[in-house]
Amino acid sequence: MRKLALATALAAASLSLAVLAQPGYGPGPGTRAGPGPRFNDTTTPGWSLMTKQERLEHQQKMRAFQGYDECQAYMVEHRKLMEERAKEKGKKLRGAGPGPGCDWLKK
C-alpha cells in the first residue's frame, strides 16, 4: 500500500513539473517560483548570440509588453538582428519566424 501511495505522489509531482517546464512559462520577474513568462534559448531566436547584458535587457523588455501585436513586432525586428549576427559568424538560426516568446500574451 505504501509503494502505491508513493508511486502516485511521485507521478503527480512529475506531472506538475512537466506543465511548468513548457517553453515560455516559468518564474515571473522578481520571483523565485510560480508561473509567469520565461525567456531563454527555446523562446528567443539567437539567444546564444546575445551577451549576458543583452539577454537581461531582452527579458525585461519582453516582460513589459502588454499586447501581443506590439511584442510580435519587437520579436520580428529582434530576429532580423539575430539573423545578421548569425550570418556574420557563419551560422544559421534554427526555426523560422520570431519564435514563441510572445505566446504568453495571447488571450
PDB file of N, CA and C in Angstrom:
ATOM      1  N   MET A   1       0.821  -1.193   0.000  1.00  0.00           N
ATOM      2  CA  MET A   1       0.000   0.000   0.000  1.00  0.00           C
ATOM      3  C   MET A   1       0.870   1.265   0.000  1.00  0.00           C
ATOM      4  N   ARG A   2       1.947   1.247   0.778  1.00  0.00           N
ATOM      5  CA  ARG A   2       2.841   2.410   0.831  1.00  0.00           C
ATOM      6  C   ARG A   2       3.506   2.672  -0.524  1.00  0.00           C
ATOM      7  N   LYS A   3       3.872   1.591  -1.207  1.00  0.00           N
ATOM      8  CA  LYS A   3       4.513   1.741  -2.518  1.00  0.00           C
ATOM      9  C   LYS A   3       3.560   2.395  -3.514  1.00  0.00           C
ATOM     10  N   LEU A   4       2.291   2.007  -3.469  1.00  0.00           N
ATOM     11  CA  LEU A   4       1.299   2.589  -4.365  1.00  0.00           C
ATOM     12  C   LEU A   4       1.101   4.074  -4.064  1.00  0.00           C
ATOM     13  N   ALA A   5       1.039   4.424  -2.793  1.00  0.00           N
ATOM     14  CA  ALA A   5       0.875   5.823  -2.403  1.00  0.00           C
ATOM     15  C   ALA A   5       2.084   6.650  -2.833  1.00  0.00           C
ATOM     16  N   LEU A   6       3.269   6.107  -2.638  1.00  0.00           N
ATOM     17  CA  LEU A   6       4.490   6.810  -3.036  1.00  0.00           C
ATOM     18  C   LEU A   6       4.544   6.985  -4.554  1.00  0.00           C
ATOM     19  N   ALA A   7       4.205   5.927  -5.282  1.00  0.00           N
ATOM     20  CA  ALA A   7       4.210   6.000  -6.747  1.00  0.00           C
ATOM     21  C   ALA A   7       3.207   7.034  -7.244  1.00  0.00           C
ATOM     22  N   THR A   8       2.056   7.098  -6.638  1.00  0.00           N
ATOM     23  CA  THR A   8       1.033   8.074  -7.021  1.00  0.00           C
ATOM     24  C   THR A   8       1.511   9.497  -6.747  1.00  0.00           C
ATOM     25  N   ALA A   9       2.118   9.705  -5.591  1.00  0.00           N
ATOM     26  CA  ALA A   9       2.627  11.037  -5.232  1.00  0.00           C
ATOM     27  C   ALA A   9       3.729  11.475  -6.190  1.00  0.00           C
ATOM     28  N   LEU A  10       4.629  10.576  -6.526  1.00  0.00           N
ATOM     29  CA  LEU A  10       5.715  10.915  -7.459  1.00  0.00           C
ATOM     30  C   LEU A  10       5.181  11.213  -8.855  1.00  0.00           C
ATOM     31  N   ALA A  11       4.196  10.462  -9.289  1.00  0.00           N
ATOM     32  CA  ALA A  11       3.602  10.708 -10.605  1.00  0.00           C
ATOM     33  C   ALA A  11       2.931  12.077 -10.643  1.00  0.00           C
ATOM     34  N   ALA A  12       2.217  12.427  -9.593  1.00  0.00           N
ATOM     35  CA  ALA A  12       1.548  13.732  -9.535  1.00  0.00           C
ATOM     36  C   ALA A  12       2.570  14.867  -9.533  1.00  0.00           C
ATOM     37  N   ALA A  13       3.643  14.708  -8.785  1.00  0.00           N
ATOM     38  CA  ALA A  13       4.687  15.741  -8.738  1.00  0.00           C
ATOM     39  C   ALA A  13       5.358  15.893 -10.098  1.00  0.00           C
ATOM     40  N   SER A  14       5.634  14.778 -10.757  1.00  0.00           N
ATOM     41  CA  SER A  14       6.268  14.827 -12.076  1.00  0.00           C
ATOM     42  C   SER A  14       5.379  15.534 -13.092  1.00  0.00           C
ATOM     43  N   LEU A  15       4.089  15.256 -13.049  1.00  0.00           N
ATOM     44  CA  LEU A  15       3.155  15.888 -13.968  1.00  0.00           C
ATOM     45  C   LEU A  15       3.099  17.392 -13.737  1.00  0.00           C
ATOM     46  N   SER A  16       3.106  17.810 -12.485  1.00  0.00           N
ATOM     47  CA  SER A  16       3.081  19.236 -12.158  1.00  0.00           C
ATOM     48  C   SER A  16       4.315  19.935 -12.704  1.00  0.00           C
ATOM     49  N   LEU A  17       5.479  19.318 -12.543  1.00  0.00           N
ATOM     50  CA  LEU A  17       6.717  19.917 -13.049  1.00  0.00           C
ATOM     51  C   LEU A  17       6.740  19.956 -14.562  1.00  0.00           C
ATOM     52  N   ALA A  18       6.193  18.958 -15.211  1.00  0.00           N
ATOM     53  CA  ALA A  18       6.172  18.926 -16.678  1.00  0.00           C
ATOM     54  C   ALA A  18       5.344  20.067 -17.230  1.00  0.00           C
ATOM     55  N   VAL A  19       4.250  20.409 -16.583  1.00  0.00           N
ATOM     56  CA  VAL A  19       3.401  21.514 -17.029  1.00  0.00           C
ATOM     57  C   VAL A  19       4.164  22.828 -16.939  1.00  0.00           C
ATOM     58  N   LEU A  20       4.867  23.056 -15.838  1.00  0.00           N
ATOM     59  CA  LEU A  20       5.601  24.309 -15.657  1.00  0.00           C
ATOM     60  C   LEU A  20       6.863  24.386 -16.494  1.00  0.00           C
ATOM     61  N   ALA A  21       7.351  23.263 -17.004  1.00  0.00           N
ATOM     62  CA  ALA A  21       8.589  23.256 -17.773  1.00  0.00           C
ATOM     63  C   ALA A  21       8.378  23.576 -19.245  1.00  0.00           C
ATOM     64  N   GLN A  22       7.181  23.888 -19.662  1.00  0.00           N
ATOM     65  CA  GLN A  22       6.921  24.205 -21.051  1.00  0.00           C
ATOM     66  C   GLN A  22       7.620  25.506 -21.437  1.00  0.00           C
ATOM     67  N   PRO A  23       8.081  25.623 -22.684  1.00  0.00           N
ATOM     68  CA  PRO A  23       8.761  26.844 -23.112  1.00  0.00           C
ATOM     69  C   PRO A  23       7.887  28.073 -22.910  1.00  0.00           C
ATOM     70  N   GLY A  24       8.506  29.131 -22.418  1.00  0.00           N
ATOM     71  CA  GLY A  24       7.793  30.391 -22.264  1.00  0.00           C
ATOM     72  C   GLY A  24       6.994  30.505 -20.992  1.00  0.00           C
ATOM     73  N   TYR A  25       7.115  29.532 -20.100  1.00  0.00           N
ATOM     74  CA  TYR A  25       6.337  29.578 -18.881  1.00  0.00           C
ATOM     75  C   TYR A  25       7.208  29.156 -17.715  1.00  0.00           C
ATOM     76  N   GLY A  26       7.249  29.952 -16.707  1.00  0.00           N
ATOM     77  CA  GLY A  26       8.073  29.635 -15.556  1.00  0.00           C
ATOM     78  C   GLY A  26       8.061  30.795 -14.594  1.00  0.00           C
ATOM     79  N   PRO A  27       9.094  30.925 -13.771  1.00  0.00           N
ATOM     80  CA  PRO A  27       9.123  32.004 -12.792  1.00  0.00           C
ATOM     81  C   PRO A  27       8.987  33.374 -13.429  1.00  0.00           C
ATOM     82  N   GLY A  28       8.176  34.192 -12.836  1.00  0.00           N
ATOM     83  CA  GLY A  28       7.959  35.545 -13.332  1.00  0.00           C
ATOM     84  C   GLY A  28       9.046  36.481 -12.865  1.00  0.00           C
ATOM     85  N   PRO A  29       8.977  37.735 -13.272  1.00  0.00           N
ATOM     86  CA  PRO A  29      10.018  38.695 -12.922  1.00  0.00           C
ATOM     87  C   PRO A  29      10.072  38.920 -11.417  1.00  0.00           C
ATOM     88  N   GLY A  30      11.283  38.884 -10.875  1.00  0.00           N
ATOM     89  CA  GLY A  30      11.480  39.173  -9.464  1.00  0.00           C
ATOM     90  C   GLY A  30      11.006  38.079  -8.521  1.00  0.00           C
ATOM     91  N   THR A  31      10.713  36.896  -9.038  1.00  0.00           N
ATOM     92  CA  THR A  31      10.256  35.811  -8.175  1.00  0.00           C
ATOM     93  C   THR A  31      11.175  34.615  -8.309  1.00  0.00           C
ATOM     94  N   ARG A  32      11.134  33.761  -7.338  1.00  0.00           N
ATOM     95  CA  ARG A  32      11.930  32.534  -7.380  1.00  0.00           C
ATOM     96  C   ARG A  32      11.092  31.342  -7.807  1.00  0.00           C
ATOM     97  N   ALA A  33       9.788  31.463  -7.696  1.00  0.00           N
ATOM     98  CA  ALA A  33       8.915  30.348  -8.065  1.00  0.00           C
ATOM     99  C   ALA A  33       7.570  30.900  -8.506  1.00  0.00           C
ATOM    100  N   GLY A  34       6.803  30.058  -9.154  1.00  0.00           N
ATOM    101  CA  GLY A  34       5.472  30.460  -9.580  1.00  0.00           C
ATOM    102  C   GLY A  34       5.411  30.712 -11.064  1.00  0.00           C
ATOM    103  N   PRO A  35       4.197  30.768 -11.589  1.00  0.00           N
ATOM    104  CA  PRO A  35       4.036  30.954 -13.034  1.00  0.00           C
ATOM    105  C   PRO A  35       4.347  32.374 -13.483  1.00  0.00           C
ATOM    106  N   GLY A  36       4.685  32.489 -14.732  1.00  0.00           N
ATOM    107  CA  GLY A  36       4.972  33.784 -15.336  1.00  0.00           C
ATOM    108  C   GLY A  36       5.769  33.578 -16.600  1.00  0.00           C
ATOM    109  N   PRO A  37       6.005  34.624 -17.365  1.00  0.00           N
ATOM    110  CA  PRO A  37       6.749  34.474 -18.620  1.00  0.00           C
ATOM    111  C   PRO A  37       8.216  34.161 -18.376  1.00  0.00           C
ATOM    112  N   ARG A  38       8.777  33.358 -19.249  1.00  0.00           N
ATOM    113  CA  ARG A  38      10.187  32.995 -19.163  1.00  0.00           C
ATOM    114  C   ARG A  38      10.765  33.109 -20.569  1.00  0.00           C
ATOM    115  N   PHE A  39      11.939  33.667 -20.688  1.00  0.00           N
ATOM    116  CA  PHE A  39      12.573  33.860 -21.994  1.00  0.00           C
ATOM    117  C   PHE A  39      13.966  33.258 -21.943  1.00  0.00           C
ATOM    118  N   ASN A  40      14.244  32.384 -22.908  1.00  0.00           N
ATOM    119  CA  ASN A  40      15.516  31.672 -22.940  1.00  0.00           C
ATOM    120  C   ASN A  40      15.779  31.177 -24.362  1.00  0.00           C
ATOM    121  N   ASP A  41      16.666  30.202 -24.498  1.00  0.00           N
ATOM    122  CA  ASP A  41      17.028  29.727 -25.831  1.00  0.00           C
ATOM    123  C   ASP A  41      15.893  29.005 -26.552  1.00  0.00           C
ATOM    124  N   THR A  42      14.847  28.576 -25.843  1.00  0.00           N
ATOM    125  CA  THR A  42      13.729  27.912 -26.516  1.00  0.00           C
ATOM    126  C   THR A  42      12.654  28.897 -26.970  1.00  0.00           C
ATOM    127  N   THR A  43      12.690  30.122 -26.460  1.00  0.00           N
ATOM    128  CA  THR A  43      11.671  31.105 -26.818  1.00  0.00           C
ATOM    129  C   THR A  43      12.233  32.317 -27.554  1.00  0.00           C
ATOM    130  N   THR A  44      13.554  32.430 -27.620  1.00  0.00           N
ATOM    131  CA  THR A  44      14.179  33.613 -28.200  1.00  0.00           C
ATOM    132  C   THR A  44      15.191  33.231 -29.270  1.00  0.00           C
ATOM    133  N   PRO A  45      14.916  33.544 -30.542  1.00  0.00           N
ATOM    134  CA  PRO A  45      15.892  33.266 -31.600  1.00  0.00           C
ATOM    135  C   PRO A  45      17.196  34.023 -31.333  1.00  0.00           C
ATOM    136  N   GLY A  46      18.307  33.331 -31.511  1.00  0.00           N
ATOM    137  CA  GLY A  46      19.612  33.974 -31.357  1.00  0.00           C
ATOM    138  C   GLY A  46      20.062  34.158 -29.921  1.00  0.00           C
ATOM    139  N   TRP A  47      19.447  33.466 -28.992  1.00  0.00           N
ATOM    140  CA  TRP A  47      19.796  33.602 -27.571  1.00  0.00           C
ATOM    141  C   TRP A  47      21.299  33.435 -27.358  1.00  0.00           C
ATOM    142  N   SER A  48      21.890  32.456 -28.005  1.00  0.00           N
ATOM    143  CA  SER A  48      23.316  32.186 -27.818  1.00  0.00           C
ATOM    144  C   SER A  48      24.205  33.256 -28.444  1.00  0.00           C
ATOM    145  N   LEU A  49      23.634  34.092 -29.293  1.00  0.00           N
ATOM    146  CA  LEU A  49      24.405  35.163 -29.930  1.00  0.00           C
ATOM    147  C   LEU A  49      24.349  36.475 -29.146  1.00  0.00           C
ATOM    148  N   MET A  50      23.598  36.473 -28.054  1.00  0.00           N
ATOM    149  CA  MET A  50      23.422  37.672 -27.237  1.00  0.00           C
ATOM    150  C   MET A  50      24.383  37.649 -26.051  1.00  0.00           C
ATOM    151  N   THR A  51      24.800  38.828 -25.617  1.00  0.00           N
ATOM    152  CA  THR A  51      25.611  38.911 -24.406  1.00  0.00           C
ATOM    153  C   THR A  51      24.695  38.737 -23.195  1.00  0.00           C
ATOM    154  N   LYS A  52      25.293  38.517 -22.047  1.00  0.00           N
ATOM    155  CA  LYS A  52      24.504  38.361 -20.816  1.00  0.00           C
ATOM    156  C   LYS A  52      23.667  39.617 -20.570  1.00  0.00           C
ATOM    157  N   GLN A  53      24.248  40.783 -20.793  1.00  0.00           N
ATOM    158  CA  GLN A  53      23.526  42.051 -20.596  1.00  0.00           C
ATOM    159  C   GLN A  53      22.363  42.172 -21.579  1.00  0.00           C
ATOM    160  N   GLU A  54      22.594  41.789 -22.831  1.00  0.00           N
ATOM    161  CA  GLU A  54      21.523  41.834 -23.835  1.00  0.00           C
ATOM    162  C   GLU A  54      20.384  40.888 -23.467  1.00  0.00           C
ATOM    163  N   ARG A  55      20.733  39.734 -22.925  1.00  0.00           N
ATOM    164  CA  ARG A  55      19.696  38.790 -22.508  1.00  0.00           C
ATOM    165  C   ARG A  55      18.837  39.373 -21.394  1.00  0.00           C
ATOM    166  N   LEU A  56      19.486  39.992 -20.418  1.00  0.00           N
ATOM    167  CA  LEU A  56      18.746  40.609 -19.310  1.00  0.00           C
ATOM    168  C   LEU A  56      17.832  41.727 -19.823  1.00  0.00           C
ATOM    169  N   GLU A  57      18.355  42.561 -20.702  1.00  0.00           N
ATOM    170  CA  GLU A  57      17.549  43.654 -21.267  1.00  0.00           C
ATOM    171  C   GLU A  57      16.382  43.104 -22.082  1.00  0.00           C
ATOM    172  N   HIS A  58      16.641  42.041 -22.839  1.00  0.00           N
ATOM    173  CA  HIS A  58      15.593  41.404 -23.639  1.00  0.00           C
ATOM    174  C   HIS A  58      14.494  40.858 -22.725  1.00  0.00           C
ATOM    175  N   GLN A  59      14.881  40.187 -21.656  1.00  0.00           N
ATOM    176  CA  GLN A  59      13.902  39.631 -20.718  1.00  0.00           C
ATOM    177  C   GLN A  59      13.048  40.741 -20.110  1.00  0.00           C
ATOM    178  N   GLN A  60      13.682  41.833 -19.704  1.00  0.00           N
ATOM    179  CA  GLN A  60      12.936  42.959 -19.121  1.00  0.00           C
ATOM    180  C   GLN A  60      11.962  43.553 -20.131  1.00  0.00           C
ATOM    181  N   LYS A  61      12.431  43.730 -21.348  1.00  0.00           N
ATOM    182  CA  LYS A  61      11.580  44.297 -22.397  1.00  0.00           C
ATOM    183  C   LYS A  61      10.394  43.380 -22.680  1.00  0.00           C
ATOM    184  N   MET A  62      10.655  42.087 -22.778  1.00  0.00           N
ATOM    185  CA  MET A  62       9.587  41.128 -23.068  1.00  0.00           C
ATOM    186  C   MET A  62       8.535  41.103 -21.965  1.00  0.00           C
ATOM    187  N   ARG A  63       8.960  41.180 -20.727  1.00  0.00           N
ATOM    188  CA  ARG A  63       8.014  41.152 -19.604  1.00  0.00           C
ATOM    189  C   ARG A  63       7.195  42.437 -19.510  1.00  0.00           C
ATOM    190  N   ALA A  64       7.689  43.515 -20.124  1.00  0.00           N
ATOM    191  CA  ALA A  64       6.995  44.803 -20.052  1.00  0.00           C
ATOM    192  C   ALA A  64       5.873  44.933 -21.083  1.00  0.00           C
ATOM    193  N   PHE A  65       5.884  44.103 -22.113  1.00  0.00           N
ATOM    194  CA  PHE A  65       4.846  44.209 -23.140  1.00  0.00           C
ATOM    195  C   PHE A  65       3.476  43.899 -22.562  1.00  0.00           C
ATOM    196  N   GLN A  66       2.495  44.687 -23.005  1.00  0.00           N
ATOM    197  CA  GLN A  66       1.117  44.485 -22.567  1.00  0.00           C
ATOM    198  C   GLN A  66       0.271  43.828 -23.651  1.00  0.00           C
ATOM    199  N   GLY A  67       0.685  43.989 -24.914  1.00  0.00           N
ATOM    200  CA  GLY A  67      -0.095  43.462 -26.022  1.00  0.00           C
ATOM    201  C   GLY A  67       0.719  42.527 -26.905  1.00  0.00           C
ATOM    202  N   TYR A  68       0.046  41.530 -27.464  1.00  0.00           N
ATOM    203  CA  TYR A  68       0.685  40.528 -28.318  1.00  0.00           C
ATOM    204  C   TYR A  68       1.262  41.151 -29.589  1.00  0.00           C
ATOM    205  N   ASP A  69       0.510  42.027 -30.257  1.00  0.00           N
ATOM    206  CA  ASP A  69       0.970  42.600 -31.535  1.00  0.00           C
ATOM    207  C   ASP A  69       2.244  43.423 -31.357  1.00  0.00           C
ATOM    208  N   GLU A  70       2.304  44.220 -30.309  1.00  0.00           N
ATOM    209  CA  GLU A  70       3.492  45.028 -30.019  1.00  0.00           C
ATOM    210  C   GLU A  70       4.697  44.113 -29.751  1.00  0.00           C
ATOM    211  N   CYS A  71       4.464  43.067 -29.002  1.00  0.00           N
ATOM    212  CA  CYS A  71       5.520  42.105 -28.686  1.00  0.00           C
ATOM    213  C   CYS A  71       6.019  41.413 -29.955  1.00  0.00           C
ATOM    214  N   GLN A  72       5.088  40.978 -30.812  1.00  0.00           N
ATOM    215  CA  GLN A  72       5.459  40.301 -32.057  1.00  0.00           C
ATOM    216  C   GLN A  72       6.272  41.211 -32.968  1.00  0.00           C
ATOM    217  N   ALA A  73       5.899  42.485 -33.040  1.00  0.00           N
ATOM    218  CA  ALA A  73       6.649  43.429 -33.876  1.00  0.00           C
ATOM    219  C   ALA A  73       8.096  43.532 -33.383  1.00  0.00           C
ATOM    220  N   TYR A  74       8.262  43.592 -32.063  1.00  0.00           N
ATOM    221  CA  TYR A  74       9.615  43.636 -31.493  1.00  0.00           C
ATOM    222  C   TYR A  74      10.375  42.348 -31.836  1.00  0.00           C
ATOM    223  N   MET A  75       9.704  41.206 -31.702  1.00  0.00           N
ATOM    224  CA  MET A  75      10.373  39.926 -31.945  1.00  0.00           C
ATOM    225  C   MET A  75      10.764  39.747 -33.419  1.00  0.00           C
ATOM    226  N   VAL A  76       9.978  40.299 -34.335  1.00  0.00           N
ATOM    227  CA  VAL A  76      10.337  40.247 -35.762  1.00  0.00           C
ATOM    228  C   VAL A  76      11.637  41.025 -35.983  1.00  0.00           C
ATOM    229  N   GLU A  77      11.720  42.214 -35.387  1.00  0.00           N
ATOM    230  CA  GLU A  77      12.942  43.016 -35.510  1.00  0.00           C
ATOM    231  C   GLU A  77      14.120  42.326 -34.815  1.00  0.00           C
ATOM    232  N   HIS A  78      13.856  41.737 -33.666  1.00  0.00           N
ATOM    233  CA  HIS A  78      14.902  41.028 -32.932  1.00  0.00           C
ATOM    234  C   HIS A  78      15.460  39.879 -33.785  1.00  0.00           C
ATOM    235  N   ARG A  79      14.571  39.138 -34.431  1.00  0.00           N
ATOM    236  CA  ARG A  79      15.019  38.017 -35.264  1.00  0.00           C
ATOM    237  C   ARG A  79      15.901  38.509 -36.412  1.00  0.00           C
ATOM    238  N   LYS A  80      15.513  39.623 -37.035  1.00  0.00           N
ATOM    239  CA  LYS A  80      16.334  40.174 -38.125  1.00  0.00           C
ATOM    240  C   LYS A  80      17.738  40.484 -37.624  1.00  0.00           C
ATOM    241  N   LEU A  81      17.827  41.103 -36.461  1.00  0.00           N
ATOM    242  CA  LEU A  81      19.130  41.436 -35.873  1.00  0.00           C
ATOM    243  C   LEU A  81      19.940  40.165 -35.594  1.00  0.00           C
ATOM    244  N   MET A  82      19.294  39.157 -35.048  1.00  0.00           N
ATOM    245  CA  MET A  82      19.991  37.910 -34.728  1.00  0.00           C
ATOM    246  C   MET A  82      20.396  37.154 -35.993  1.00  0.00           C
ATOM    247  N   GLU A  83      19.598  37.253 -37.056  1.00  0.00           N
ATOM    248  CA  GLU A  83      19.976  36.630 -38.330  1.00  0.00           C
ATOM    249  C   GLU A  83      21.228  37.283 -38.898  1.00  0.00           C
ATOM    250  N   GLU A  84      21.330  38.618 -38.752  1.00  0.00           N
ATOM    251  CA  GLU A  84      22.533  39.327 -39.205  1.00  0.00           C
ATOM    252  C   GLU A  84      23.753  38.864 -38.421  1.00  0.00           C
ATOM    253  N   ARG A  85      23.608  38.753 -37.105  1.00  0.00           N
ATOM    254  CA  ARG A  85      24.724  38.290 -36.269  1.00  0.00           C
ATOM    255  C   ARG A  85      25.125  36.872 -36.638  1.00  0.00           C
ATOM    256  N   ALA A  86      24.146  36.028 -36.837  1.00  0.00           N
ATOM    257  CA  ALA A  86      24.431  34.631 -37.187  1.00  0.00           C
ATOM    258  C   ALA A  86      25.182  34.560 -38.516  1.00  0.00           C
ATOM    259  N   LYS A  87      24.732  35.357 -39.477  1.00  0.00           N
ATOM    260  CA  LYS A  87      25.373  35.365 -40.797  1.00  0.00           C
ATOM    261  C   LYS A  87      26.826  35.805 -40.690  1.00  0.00           C
ATOM    262  N   GLU A  88      27.093  36.821 -39.864  1.00  0.00           N
ATOM    263  CA  GLU A  88      28.461  37.303 -39.660  1.00  0.00           C
ATOM    264  C   GLU A  88      29.361  36.209 -39.094  1.00  0.00           C
ATOM    265  N   LYS A  89      28.787  35.312 -38.313  1.00  0.00           N
ATOM    266  CA  LYS A  89      29.552  34.241 -37.684  1.00  0.00           C
ATOM    267  C   LYS A  89      29.485  32.935 -38.467  1.00  0.00           C
ATOM    268  N   GLY A  90      28.844  32.978 -39.653  1.00  0.00           N
ATOM    269  CA  GLY A  90      28.732  31.784 -40.467  1.00  0.00           C
ATOM    270  C   GLY A  90      27.775  30.748 -39.891  1.00  0.00           C
ATOM    271  N   LYS A  91      26.793  31.217 -39.130  1.00  0.00           N
ATOM    272  CA  LYS A  91      25.817  30.314 -38.514  1.00  0.00           C
ATOM    273  C   LYS A  91      24.434  30.600 -39.075  1.00  0.00           C
ATOM    274  N   LYS A  92      23.498  29.741 -38.702  1.00  0.00           N
ATOM    275  CA  LYS A  92      22.106  29.914 -39.096  1.00  0.00           C
ATOM    276  C   LYS A  92      21.233  29.774 -37.863  1.00  0.00           C
ATOM    277  N   LEU A  93      20.186  30.590 -37.775  1.00  0.00           N
ATOM    278  CA  LEU A  93      19.238  30.448 -36.679  1.00  0.00           C
ATOM    279  C   LEU A  93      18.340  29.256 -36.966  1.00  0.00           C
ATOM    280  N   ARG A  94      17.996  28.523 -35.923  1.00  0.00           N
ATOM    281  CA  ARG A  94      17.076  27.405 -36.140  1.00  0.00           C
ATOM    282  C   ARG A  94      15.641  27.912 -36.137  1.00  0.00           C
ATOM    283  N   GLY A  95      14.792  27.156 -36.755  1.00  0.00           N
ATOM    284  CA  GLY A  95      13.382  27.530 -36.810  1.00  0.00           C
ATOM    285  C   GLY A  95      13.143  28.683 -37.767  1.00  0.00           C
ATOM    286  N   ALA A  96      11.892  29.088 -37.847  1.00  0.00           N
ATOM    287  CA  ALA A  96      11.512  30.203 -38.703  1.00  0.00           C
ATOM    288  C   ALA A  96      10.627  31.144 -37.906  1.00  0.00           C
ATOM    289  N   GLY A  97      10.579  32.366 -38.320  1.00  0.00           N
ATOM    290  CA  GLY A  97       9.716  33.326 -37.644  1.00  0.00           C
ATOM    291  C   GLY A  97      10.332  33.863 -36.367  1.00  0.00           C
ATOM    292  N   PRO A  98       9.565  34.694 -35.668  1.00  0.00           N
ATOM    293  CA  PRO A  98      10.096  35.384 -34.496  1.00  0.00           C
ATOM    294  C   PRO A  98      10.234  34.523 -33.246  1.00  0.00           C
ATOM    295  N   GLY A  99       9.694  33.329 -33.232  1.00  0.00           N
ATOM    296  CA  GLY A  99       9.770  32.480 -32.045  1.00  0.00           C
ATOM    297  C   GLY A  99       8.526  32.619 -31.182  1.00  0.00           C
ATOM    298  N   PRO A 100       8.387  31.749 -30.173  1.00  0.00           N
ATOM    299  CA  PRO A 100       7.177  31.719 -29.349  1.00  0.00           C
ATOM    300  C   PRO A 100       7.217  32.643 -28.129  1.00  0.00           C
ATOM    301  N   GLY A 101       8.160  33.555 -28.061  1.00  0.00           N
ATOM    302  CA  GLY A 101       8.331  34.395 -26.881  1.00  0.00           C
ATOM    303  C   GLY A 101       7.122  35.226 -26.490  1.00  0.00           C
ATOM    304  N   CYS A 102       6.264  35.565 -27.447  1.00  0.00           N
ATOM    305  CA  CYS A 102       5.090  36.403 -27.155  1.00  0.00           C
ATOM    306  C   CYS A 102       3.832  35.591 -26.871  1.00  0.00           C
ATOM    307  N   ASP A 103       3.926  34.293 -26.969  1.00  0.00           N
ATOM    308  CA  ASP A 103       2.741  33.449 -26.812  1.00  0.00           C
ATOM    309  C   ASP A 103       2.047  33.626 -25.462  1.00  0.00           C
ATOM    310  N   TRP A 104       2.806  33.996 -24.446  1.00  0.00           N
ATOM    311  CA  TRP A 104       2.213  34.168 -23.122  1.00  0.00           C
ATOM    312  C   TRP A 104       1.211  35.338 -23.082  1.00  0.00           C
ATOM    313  N   LEU A 105       1.274  36.216 -24.088  1.00  0.00           N
ATOM    314  CA  LEU A 105       0.359  37.363 -24.139  1.00  0.00           C
ATOM    315  C   LEU A 105      -0.947  37.063 -24.879  1.00  0.00           C
ATOM    316  N   LYS A 106      -1.026  35.904 -25.506  1.00  0.00           N
ATOM    317  CA  LYS A 106      -2.267  35.558 -26.232  1.00  0.00           C
ATOM    318  C   LYS A 106      -3.388  35.376 -25.228  1.00  0.00           C
ATOM    319  N   LYS A 107      -4.530  35.915 -25.595  1.00  0.00           N
ATOM    320  CA  LYS A 107      -5.686  35.798 -24.694  1.00  0.00           C
ATOM    321  C   LYS A 107      -6.835  35.135 -25.384  1.00  0.00           C
TER     322      LYS A 107
END
